[in-house]
Amino acid sequence: MTDARTSTTGATTSTRTSTTPGTTPGAADSVTTGATTGATAGTAAGADWAAWQRSWDRQQEWYMPDREDRFRVMIDMVEALVGPAPRVLDLACGTGTITARLLARLPGATSTGVDLDPALLAIAEGTFEGDDRVTFVTADLKDPQWPARLPYDTYDAVLTATALHWLHSEPLAALYGRVADLVRDGGVFMNADHMIDETTPRINAAERAQRHTRMDQARAERAGGVLDWAQWWQLAAADPVLAGPTARRFEIYGEHAEGDTPSAAWHARVLRERGFGEARTVWCSPSDALVLALK
């Protein structure tokens, strides 16, 4: 479930216009829901999937203003290490955020998205409907047998972002071993996520305080407010098309993430222990990092 944050459910009206960083009121973040009559470009099953993608991106950018930076570096490293037409596994793909950026940069790539979240998968499947470069698989990454559901035995690259912090350290280490089995020799794995160095508590506290101050400022600067994680899910829960998948999503995941956020050094060490030849950080912010492992 890419870009997961703490969450809560609730009901709102079936259409809502929000304002978020980088948008203007009533523009890019407006979502046409299944209650709207008539078909428009980019719609499927009554929903405007492009609008849902924009809404998800704006919500996530409020938490992570440097979000696109990690994706840029991720795709740069894919191209550098495995070429311009890779076979990619988008792990915990969510709405297909990584896949969209991958195909925009490397149109010769193919992508398999795997996730368990019914609502985010519905958006992903609607977005990429008809694109034969993209396949989606429903699977639980905590199930040891999940790789058997994939269409390929090996991949050039396995990519994930802001998702695996839903796992505790032990199941995450086990997952890294399964990922190592899926990456071909010479292939890569990359994880961009919250990676906290617990040896620097004062630095961590100062960074966290400043980040939340800036988030509050961004919200105050926008007259229509900013959709946060909980509000975004309230919007999805009220939509006729996404209401059912959203309800199932909360049955699966509950209200809050309860995983771990170990340091980048921990991730690199465990990836080497689980079968990768090299691993290190290739991008970082004060709170997040992108760790790359080479098979």
Protein backbone atom coordinates (compact mmCIF):
# COMPACT_ATOMS: atom_id res chain seq x y z
CA MET A 1 0.00 0.00 0.00
CA THR A 2 2.17 2.79 -1.30
CA ASP A 3 2.42 6.04 0.69
CA ALA A 4 0.46 4.73 3.66
CA ARG A 5 -0.19 7.02 6.63
CA THR A 6 -2.31 6.74 9.77
CA SER A 7 -5.96 6.72 8.86
CA THR A 8 -9.55 6.98 9.98
CA THR A 9 -12.86 6.36 8.26
CA GLY A 10 -15.94 8.51 8.06
CA ALA A 11 -18.59 9.85 5.73
CA THR A 12 -18.64 13.02 3.66
CA THR A 13 -20.67 14.18 0.70
CA SER A 14 -19.98 12.31 -2.50
CA THR A 15 -18.13 15.19 -4.15
CA ARG A 16 -15.57 17.47 -2.61
CA THR A 17 -13.11 20.05 -3.82
CA SER A 18 -9.88 20.48 -1.90
CA THR A 19 -6.89 22.74 -2.07
CA THR A 20 -3.40 21.40 -1.53
CA PRO A 21 0.17 22.56 -2.08
CA GLY A 22 0.75 23.27 -5.76
CA THR A 23 -2.92 23.56 -6.72
CA THR A 24 -5.54 26.27 -6.97
CA PRO A 25 -8.98 26.07 -5.36
CA GLY A 26 -11.36 23.84 -7.27
CA ALA A 27 -8.80 22.89 -9.92
CA ALA A 28 -6.48 19.90 -9.98
CA ASP A 29 -7.80 18.30 -6.81
CA SER A 30 -11.47 18.22 -7.77
CA VAL A 31 -12.74 14.64 -7.88
CA THR A 32 -15.63 13.52 -10.06
CA THR A 33 -17.22 10.62 -8.23
CA GLY A 34 -19.41 7.77 -9.34
CA ALA A 35 -22.47 9.81 -8.49
CA THR A 36 -21.81 12.14 -11.40
CA THR A 37 -23.87 11.41 -14.51
CA GLY A 38 -22.33 11.28 -17.94
CA ALA A 39 -18.95 10.02 -19.13
CA THR A 40 -15.85 12.16 -19.42
CA ALA A 41 -12.34 11.55 -20.71
CA GLY A 42 -10.30 9.45 -18.30
CA THR A 43 -13.30 7.85 -16.60
CA ALA A 44 -14.01 4.19 -16.03
CA ALA A 45 -16.85 2.54 -14.13
CA GLY A 46 -18.23 6.02 -13.41
CA ALA A 47 -15.12 7.37 -11.70
CA ASP A 48 -12.56 9.91 -12.88
CA TRP A 49 -9.40 7.97 -12.10
CA ALA A 50 -7.08 10.75 -13.21
CA ALA A 51 -8.72 13.06 -10.67
CA TRP A 52 -8.33 10.46 -7.93
CA GLN A 53 -4.65 10.13 -8.82
CA ARG A 54 -4.18 13.90 -8.61
CA SER A 55 -6.01 14.01 -5.31
CA TRP A 56 -3.83 11.21 -3.87
CA ASP A 57 -0.66 12.92 -5.08
CA ARG A 58 -1.62 16.29 -3.54
CA GLN A 59 -2.49 14.69 -0.22
CA GLN A 60 0.83 12.86 -0.14
CA GLU A 61 2.81 15.93 -1.19
CA TRP A 62 1.49 17.77 1.84
CA TYR A 63 3.26 15.19 4.00
CA MET A 64 6.29 14.89 1.71
CA PRO A 65 7.05 18.00 -0.37
CA ASP A 66 10.15 16.24 -1.72
CA ARG A 67 8.16 13.19 -2.81
CA GLU A 68 8.94 13.57 -6.51
CA ASP A 69 12.67 13.82 -5.79
CA ARG A 70 12.82 10.24 -4.52
CA PHE A 71 10.90 8.98 -7.55
CA ARG A 72 13.25 10.82 -9.91
CA VAL A 73 16.32 9.26 -8.30
CA MET A 74 14.64 5.86 -8.22
CA ILE A 75 13.93 5.87 -11.96
CA ASP A 76 17.39 7.32 -12.67
CA MET A 77 18.98 4.36 -10.90
CA VAL A 78 16.72 1.83 -12.64
CA GLU A 79 17.83 3.17 -16.02
CA ALA A 80 21.49 3.32 -14.98
CA LEU A 81 21.63 -0.23 -13.63
CA VAL A 82 19.19 -2.30 -15.72
CA GLY A 83 18.54 -0.21 -18.83
CA PRO A 84 15.65 1.64 -20.49
CA ALA A 85 13.21 -1.28 -20.89
CA PRO A 86 13.12 -3.07 -17.52
CA ARG A 87 10.66 -5.58 -16.19
CA VAL A 88 9.61 -4.01 -12.87
CA LEU A 89 7.73 -5.22 -9.82
CA ASP A 90 5.92 -2.30 -8.15
CA LEU A 91 5.79 -3.66 -4.60
CA ALA A 92 2.87 -2.44 -2.44
CA CYS A 93 1.94 -0.38 -5.48
CA GLY A 94 -1.07 1.51 -4.11
CA THR A 95 -2.54 3.70 -6.85
CA GLY A 96 0.36 2.89 -9.18
CA THR A 97 2.40 5.96 -8.29
CA ILE A 98 5.76 4.40 -9.16
CA THR A 99 4.42 2.67 -12.26
CA ALA A 100 3.11 5.96 -13.64
CA ARG A 101 6.47 7.67 -13.24
CA LEU A 102 8.35 4.64 -14.54
CA LEU A 103 6.35 4.49 -17.78
CA ALA A 104 6.48 8.25 -18.30
CA ARG A 105 10.28 8.15 -18.15
CA LEU A 106 10.88 4.68 -19.64
CA PRO A 107 7.99 3.86 -21.99
CA GLY A 108 9.61 0.54 -22.94
CA ALA A 109 9.28 -0.75 -19.38
CA THR A 110 6.68 -3.21 -18.12
CA SER A 111 5.28 -3.25 -14.60
CA THR A 112 3.57 -5.71 -12.28
CA GLY A 113 1.85 -3.94 -9.40
CA VAL A 114 1.13 -5.98 -6.27
CA ASP A 115 -0.94 -4.81 -3.30
CA LEU A 116 -3.70 -5.91 -0.93
CA ASP A 117 -5.57 -2.60 -0.63
CA PRO A 118 -8.85 -2.92 -2.61
CA ALA A 119 -9.48 0.83 -2.87
CA LEU A 120 -6.02 1.87 -4.04
CA LEU A 121 -5.92 -1.09 -6.43
CA ALA A 122 -9.25 0.00 -7.89
CA ILE A 123 -7.75 3.40 -8.69
CA ALA A 124 -4.62 1.80 -10.13
CA GLU A 125 -6.57 -0.64 -12.30
CA GLY A 126 -8.87 2.11 -13.54
CA THR A 127 -5.92 4.37 -14.33
CA PHE A 128 -3.99 1.80 -16.37
CA GLU A 129 -6.94 0.00 -17.97
CA GLY A 130 -6.02 -0.99 -21.53
CA ASP A 131 -2.27 -0.53 -21.05
CA ASP A 132 -0.79 -3.94 -21.80
CA ARG A 133 2.50 -2.95 -20.16
CA VAL A 134 0.85 -3.07 -16.74
CA THR A 135 -0.54 -5.97 -14.70
CA PHE A 136 -1.96 -5.88 -11.17
CA VAL A 137 -1.96 -8.69 -8.61
CA THR A 138 -3.80 -8.83 -5.31
CA ALA A 139 -1.60 -10.41 -2.65
CA ASP A 140 -0.66 -10.10 1.02
CA LEU A 141 3.08 -9.47 1.37
CA LYS A 142 3.04 -11.16 4.78
CA ASP A 143 1.96 -14.41 3.11
CA PRO A 144 5.13 -16.39 2.26
CA GLN A 145 3.45 -17.67 -0.92
CA TRP A 146 2.67 -14.27 -2.44
CA PRO A 147 5.40 -14.51 -5.15
CA ALA A 148 3.55 -17.48 -6.65
CA ARG A 149 0.80 -15.08 -7.76
CA LEU A 150 3.15 -13.04 -9.94
CA PRO A 151 3.24 -13.46 -13.74
CA TYR A 152 7.06 -13.72 -13.81
CA ASP A 153 9.63 -15.61 -11.77
CA THR A 154 12.23 -12.82 -11.89
CA TYR A 155 12.38 -9.06 -12.34
CA ASP A 156 15.03 -6.55 -13.37
CA ALA A 157 13.92 -4.19 -10.62
CA VAL A 158 11.65 -4.29 -7.58
CA LEU A 159 10.56 -0.84 -6.38
CA THR A 160 8.54 0.36 -3.41
CA ALA A 161 7.89 3.67 -1.66
CA THR A 162 6.41 4.71 1.67
CA ALA A 163 4.71 1.38 2.26
CA LEU A 164 6.88 -1.15 4.06
CA HIS A 165 6.82 0.80 7.33
CA TRP A 166 3.52 -1.01 7.86
CA LEU A 167 5.62 -4.10 8.64
CA HIS A 168 7.57 -4.87 11.80
CA SER A 169 11.29 -5.57 11.43
CA GLU A 170 11.12 -9.37 11.51
CA PRO A 171 8.51 -9.82 8.75
CA LEU A 172 10.21 -7.05 6.78
CA ALA A 173 13.51 -8.95 6.90
CA ALA A 174 11.70 -12.08 5.72
CA LEU A 175 10.12 -10.08 2.89
CA TYR A 176 13.57 -8.85 1.84
CA GLY A 177 14.66 -12.47 1.47
CA ARG A 178 11.73 -13.20 -0.85
CA VAL A 179 12.44 -10.06 -2.85
CA ALA A 180 16.08 -11.14 -3.26
CA ASP A 181 14.83 -14.37 -4.82
CA LEU A 182 12.74 -12.39 -7.33
CA VAL A 183 15.50 -10.00 -8.46
CA ARG A 184 17.69 -11.38 -11.24
CA ASP A 185 21.47 -11.33 -10.94
CA GLY A 186 22.52 -7.76 -11.67
CA GLY A 187 19.02 -6.50 -10.87
CA VAL A 188 18.03 -3.94 -8.25
CA PHE A 189 15.69 -3.41 -5.33
CA MET A 190 14.84 0.06 -4.01
CA ASN A 191 12.83 1.11 -0.97
CA ALA A 192 12.03 4.76 -0.28
CA ASP A 193 10.47 5.11 3.16
CA HIS A 194 10.56 6.65 6.62
CA MET A 195 13.90 5.53 8.03
CA ILE A 196 14.64 6.95 11.45
CA ASP A 197 18.07 6.91 13.07
CA GLU A 198 17.24 6.42 16.75
CA THR A 199 20.80 7.41 17.76
CA THR A 200 20.00 11.08 17.01
CA PRO A 201 16.90 11.89 19.10
CA ARG A 202 17.46 15.66 19.32
CA ILE A 203 17.98 15.99 15.58
CA ASN A 204 14.90 13.86 14.98
CA ALA A 205 12.75 15.96 17.30
CA ALA A 206 13.86 19.24 15.72
CA GLU A 207 13.23 17.93 12.20
CA ARG A 208 9.80 16.61 13.15
CA ALA A 209 8.78 19.91 14.79
CA GLN A 210 9.87 21.95 11.79
CA ARG A 211 8.16 19.61 9.35
CA HIS A 212 4.84 19.83 11.19
CA THR A 213 5.13 23.62 11.44
CA ARG A 214 5.55 23.82 7.68
CA MET A 215 2.61 21.48 7.14
CA ASP A 216 0.44 23.74 9.32
CA GLN A 217 1.61 26.78 7.36
CA ALA A 218 0.78 25.09 4.07
CA ARG A 219 -2.71 24.28 5.32
CA ALA A 220 -3.26 27.85 6.56
CA GLU A 221 -2.14 29.34 3.25
CA ARG A 222 -4.85 27.50 1.35
CA ALA A 223 -8.32 28.91 1.85
CA GLY A 224 -9.97 25.59 1.05
CA GLY A 225 -7.67 23.68 3.37
CA VAL A 226 -5.54 20.64 2.67
CA LEU A 227 -6.84 17.11 2.45
CA ASP A 228 -4.93 15.05 5.00
CA TRP A 229 -4.77 11.24 5.09
CA ALA A 230 -7.95 10.81 7.14
CA GLN A 231 -9.94 13.29 5.07
CA TRP A 232 -8.86 11.67 1.83
CA TRP A 233 -10.17 8.32 3.04
CA GLN A 234 -13.41 9.98 4.17
CA LEU A 235 -13.83 11.20 0.60
CA ALA A 236 -13.17 7.73 -0.78
CA ALA A 237 -15.60 6.15 1.70
CA ALA A 238 -18.36 8.48 0.50
CA ASP A 239 -17.82 7.78 -3.20
CA PRO A 240 -20.28 5.26 -4.73
CA VAL A 241 -17.53 3.52 -6.71
CA LEU A 242 -14.88 3.40 -3.98
CA ALA A 243 -17.08 3.01 -0.89
CA GLY A 244 -17.12 -0.79 -1.00
CA PRO A 245 -13.39 -1.22 -1.65
CA THR A 246 -12.64 1.38 1.04
CA ALA A 247 -14.71 -0.49 3.61
CA ARG A 248 -12.86 -3.70 2.76
CA ARG A 249 -9.57 -1.85 3.01
CA PHE A 250 -10.25 -0.85 6.62
CA GLU A 251 -11.32 -4.40 7.45
CA ILE A 252 -7.87 -5.55 6.27
CA TYR A 253 -5.63 -2.83 7.69
CA GLY A 254 -7.54 -1.23 10.54
CA GLU A 255 -7.08 2.39 11.50
CA HIS A 256 -3.34 2.79 12.00
CA ALA A 257 0.01 1.50 10.83
CA GLU A 258 1.81 -0.42 13.57
CA GLY A 259 5.06 -1.26 11.83
CA ASP A 260 8.66 -0.16 12.38
CA THR A 261 10.82 2.57 10.83
CA PRO A 262 14.41 1.32 11.29
CA SER A 263 17.35 3.30 10.00
CA ALA A 264 18.70 3.23 6.46
CA ALA A 265 21.76 1.44 7.83
CA TRP A 266 19.50 -1.33 9.16
CA HIS A 267 17.82 -1.73 5.76
CA ALA A 268 21.15 -1.87 3.92
CA ARG A 269 22.59 -4.42 6.35
CA VAL A 270 19.55 -6.71 6.24
CA LEU A 271 19.35 -6.54 2.45
CA ARG A 272 22.98 -7.71 2.23
CA GLU A 273 22.27 -10.47 4.74
CA ARG A 274 19.26 -11.62 2.71
CA GLY A 275 21.04 -12.06 -0.61
CA PHE A 276 22.05 -8.75 -2.17
CA GLY A 277 25.69 -8.07 -2.98
CA GLU A 278 25.65 -4.32 -2.39
CA ALA A 279 23.28 -1.95 -0.61
CA ARG A 280 23.40 1.70 0.38
CA THR A 281 21.43 4.94 0.54
CA VAL A 282 21.21 6.80 -2.79
CA TRP A 283 18.89 9.62 -1.67
CA CYS A 284 17.76 11.01 1.66
CA SER A 285 15.84 13.79 3.33
CA PRO A 286 15.96 14.60 7.06
CA SER A 287 13.32 11.93 7.76
CA ASP A 288 13.24 9.58 4.75
CA ALA A 289 15.75 7.64 2.67
CA LEU A 290 15.97 5.65 -0.56
CA VAL A 291 18.02 2.50 -0.10
CA LEU A 292 19.22 0.66 -3.23
CA ALA A 293 20.33 -2.98 -3.18
CA LEU A 294 22.11 -4.59 -6.14
CA LYS A 295 21.90 -8.38 -6.64
